[in-house]
Amino acid sequence: MSSRPDLEASPSSHPSVTPPAAAAADHVVRTTRALSIASLLGLIVLGLAWELVLAPTGNRTLVLKVVPLLFPLFGLLKHRMYTHRWVSLLVWLYFTEGVVRATSDPYPSSLLAFIEVLLCLVLFTASAVHVRWRIKQAKARGELVQDAAT
């Protein structure tokens, strides 16, 4: 050790080393967030293309079904965990529509409905895993206190 305090190494002067478990968790969070955003954007693009170009129905008012998907997009882009929670519930409306139309509509629309179902499953899974990992990380850091009942 040096007798001069200005020559001693401070903890902030060393680059922080991320433990492998934390790096893996960060990777999971980044991946699930990217999958959530990509599948949500996929649902938006699919809904617009489906109702306006690929297999339009009636007077194309079904394109309005895409509007509710725009609200969670902003929350996901801002890293809001609460948005991941409620979008995992919202997506089941689109999943139901996809299942109904995949089994009842003729060819072009049934294929698009099947793609919608797949995108919904990806969005739900990615959002659910994202929330679980972030809660797990917060508990590991001591930021969340567990209830005494659990």
Protein backbone atom coordinates (compact mmCIF):
# COMPACT_ATOMS: atom_id res chain seq x y z
CA MET A 1 0.00 0.00 0.00
CA SER A 2 1.14 3.47 -0.76
CA SER A 3 1.30 6.19 1.83
CA ARG A 4 -0.26 8.61 -0.64
CA PRO A 5 -4.08 8.31 -0.77
CA ASP A 6 -4.26 9.58 -4.36
CA LEU A 7 -2.28 6.56 -5.57
CA GLU A 8 -4.42 3.96 -3.84
CA ALA A 9 -6.85 2.11 -6.04
CA SER A 10 -10.45 2.91 -5.40
CA PRO A 11 -13.20 0.35 -6.00
CA SER A 12 -14.65 2.52 -8.75
CA SER A 13 -11.36 2.58 -10.65
CA HIS A 14 -11.60 -1.13 -11.49
CA PRO A 15 -14.02 -2.23 -14.16
CA SER A 16 -16.89 -4.16 -12.68
CA VAL A 17 -17.07 -7.81 -13.50
CA THR A 18 -20.52 -9.22 -14.03
CA PRO A 19 -21.01 -12.70 -12.56
CA PRO A 20 -21.95 -15.36 -15.14
CA ALA A 21 -25.41 -15.86 -13.61
CA ALA A 22 -26.20 -12.15 -13.86
CA ALA A 23 -24.91 -12.01 -17.43
CA ALA A 24 -27.10 -14.99 -18.36
CA ALA A 25 -30.13 -13.34 -16.74
CA ASP A 26 -29.45 -10.09 -18.59
CA HIS A 27 -29.21 -12.07 -21.82
CA VAL A 28 -32.56 -13.73 -21.11
CA VAL A 29 -34.18 -10.38 -20.37
CA ARG A 30 -32.78 -8.79 -23.54
CA THR A 31 -33.80 -11.78 -25.67
CA THR A 32 -37.33 -12.01 -24.31
CA ARG A 33 -37.80 -8.26 -24.68
CA ALA A 34 -36.64 -8.42 -28.30
CA LEU A 35 -38.96 -11.37 -28.99
CA SER A 36 -41.88 -9.53 -27.38
CA ILE A 37 -41.31 -6.42 -29.45
CA ALA A 38 -40.72 -8.39 -32.67
CA SER A 39 -43.86 -10.50 -32.25
CA LEU A 40 -45.95 -7.45 -31.35
CA LEU A 41 -44.67 -5.62 -34.43
CA GLY A 42 -45.38 -8.78 -36.42
CA LEU A 43 -48.99 -8.78 -35.19
CA ILE A 44 -49.37 -5.12 -36.12
CA VAL A 45 -47.94 -5.57 -39.62
CA LEU A 46 -49.90 -8.79 -40.14
CA GLY A 47 -53.15 -7.15 -39.04
CA LEU A 48 -52.65 -4.20 -41.38
CA ALA A 49 -51.59 -6.33 -44.35
CA TRP A 50 -54.31 -8.91 -43.73
CA GLU A 51 -57.21 -6.49 -43.58
CA LEU A 52 -56.01 -3.98 -46.18
CA VAL A 53 -54.22 -6.04 -48.84
CA LEU A 54 -53.93 -9.81 -48.45
CA ALA A 55 -57.48 -10.85 -47.54
CA PRO A 56 -59.66 -7.78 -46.94
CA THR A 57 -63.10 -8.34 -45.47
CA GLY A 58 -66.11 -6.10 -46.07
CA ASN A 59 -65.33 -2.42 -45.96
CA ARG A 60 -61.95 -3.02 -44.25
CA THR A 61 -63.04 -1.76 -40.84
CA LEU A 62 -61.44 -4.82 -39.21
CA VAL A 63 -58.14 -2.99 -39.65
CA LEU A 64 -59.09 -1.13 -36.47
CA LYS A 65 -58.28 -4.28 -34.50
CA VAL A 66 -54.62 -3.24 -34.79
CA VAL A 67 -55.11 -0.02 -32.79
CA PRO A 68 -55.06 -1.68 -29.32
CA LEU A 69 -51.71 -3.27 -30.22
CA LEU A 70 -50.10 0.16 -30.55
CA PHE A 71 -50.50 0.96 -26.84
CA PRO A 72 -48.29 -1.84 -25.48
CA LEU A 73 -45.67 -1.13 -28.13
CA PHE A 74 -44.68 2.13 -26.43
CA GLY A 75 -44.44 0.45 -23.02
CA LEU A 76 -42.32 -2.40 -24.34
CA LEU A 77 -39.97 0.04 -26.03
CA LYS A 78 -39.59 1.90 -22.72
CA HIS A 79 -38.67 -1.30 -20.79
CA ARG A 80 -41.81 -1.27 -18.64
CA MET A 81 -42.37 -4.63 -16.96
CA TYR A 82 -46.00 -3.77 -16.22
CA THR A 83 -46.64 -3.62 -19.97
CA HIS A 84 -45.27 -7.14 -20.38
CA ARG A 85 -47.74 -8.25 -17.73
CA TRP A 86 -50.86 -6.83 -19.31
CA VAL A 87 -49.90 -7.53 -22.91
CA SER A 88 -49.71 -11.21 -21.96
CA LEU A 89 -53.43 -10.93 -21.17
CA LEU A 90 -54.37 -8.78 -24.16
CA VAL A 91 -52.75 -11.20 -26.59
CA TRP A 92 -55.33 -13.88 -25.81
CA LEU A 93 -58.01 -11.85 -27.63
CA TYR A 94 -55.92 -11.99 -30.80
CA PHE A 95 -55.11 -15.66 -30.20
CA THR A 96 -58.85 -16.42 -29.99
CA GLU A 97 -59.54 -14.49 -33.18
CA GLY A 98 -56.74 -16.38 -34.92
CA VAL A 99 -58.03 -19.78 -33.83
CA VAL A 100 -61.59 -18.97 -34.91
CA ARG A 101 -60.55 -17.58 -38.28
CA ALA A 102 -58.00 -20.35 -38.90
CA THR A 103 -60.77 -22.93 -38.57
CA SER A 104 -63.55 -21.05 -40.33
CA ASP A 105 -62.14 -18.75 -43.03
CA PRO A 106 -61.10 -19.85 -46.54
CA TYR A 107 -57.46 -20.29 -47.61
CA PRO A 108 -55.62 -17.00 -47.64
CA SER A 109 -57.28 -15.82 -44.45
CA SER A 110 -56.88 -19.16 -42.64
CA LEU A 111 -53.13 -19.17 -43.28
CA LEU A 112 -52.83 -15.60 -42.00
CA ALA A 113 -54.85 -16.59 -38.93
CA PHE A 114 -52.46 -19.46 -38.25
CA ILE A 115 -49.53 -17.01 -38.42
CA GLU A 116 -51.43 -14.75 -36.00
CA VAL A 117 -51.79 -17.66 -33.56
CA LEU A 118 -48.05 -18.38 -33.74
CA LEU A 119 -47.15 -14.72 -33.17
CA CYS A 120 -49.51 -14.60 -30.19
CA LEU A 121 -47.88 -17.67 -28.65
CA VAL A 122 -44.43 -16.15 -29.10
CA LEU A 123 -45.57 -12.85 -27.58
CA PHE A 124 -47.20 -14.52 -24.59
CA THR A 125 -44.26 -16.83 -23.90
CA ALA A 126 -41.64 -14.10 -24.28
CA SER A 127 -43.56 -11.68 -22.05
CA ALA A 128 -44.20 -14.28 -19.36
CA VAL A 129 -40.55 -15.37 -19.29
CA HIS A 130 -39.44 -11.73 -19.30
CA VAL A 131 -41.54 -10.92 -16.23
CA ARG A 132 -40.43 -14.05 -14.37
CA TRP A 133 -36.74 -13.34 -14.98
CA ARG A 134 -36.99 -9.72 -13.98
CA ILE A 135 -38.81 -10.63 -10.76
CA LYS A 136 -36.23 -13.31 -10.07
CA GLN A 137 -33.42 -10.76 -10.58
CA ALA A 138 -35.13 -8.23 -8.29
CA LYS A 139 -35.52 -10.84 -5.56
CA ALA A 140 -31.87 -11.85 -5.90
CA ARG A 141 -30.83 -8.20 -5.47
CA GLY A 142 -33.12 -7.87 -2.45
CA GLU A 143 -35.35 -5.30 -4.12
CA LEU A 144 -38.53 -7.37 -3.60
CA VAL A 145 -39.77 -8.53 -0.24
CA GLN A 146 -41.70 -11.78 -0.22
CA ASP A 147 -45.03 -11.94 1.60
CA ALA A 148 -45.04 -13.79 4.90
CA ALA A 149 -47.89 -15.94 3.56
CA THR A 150 -45.80 -17.33 0.69
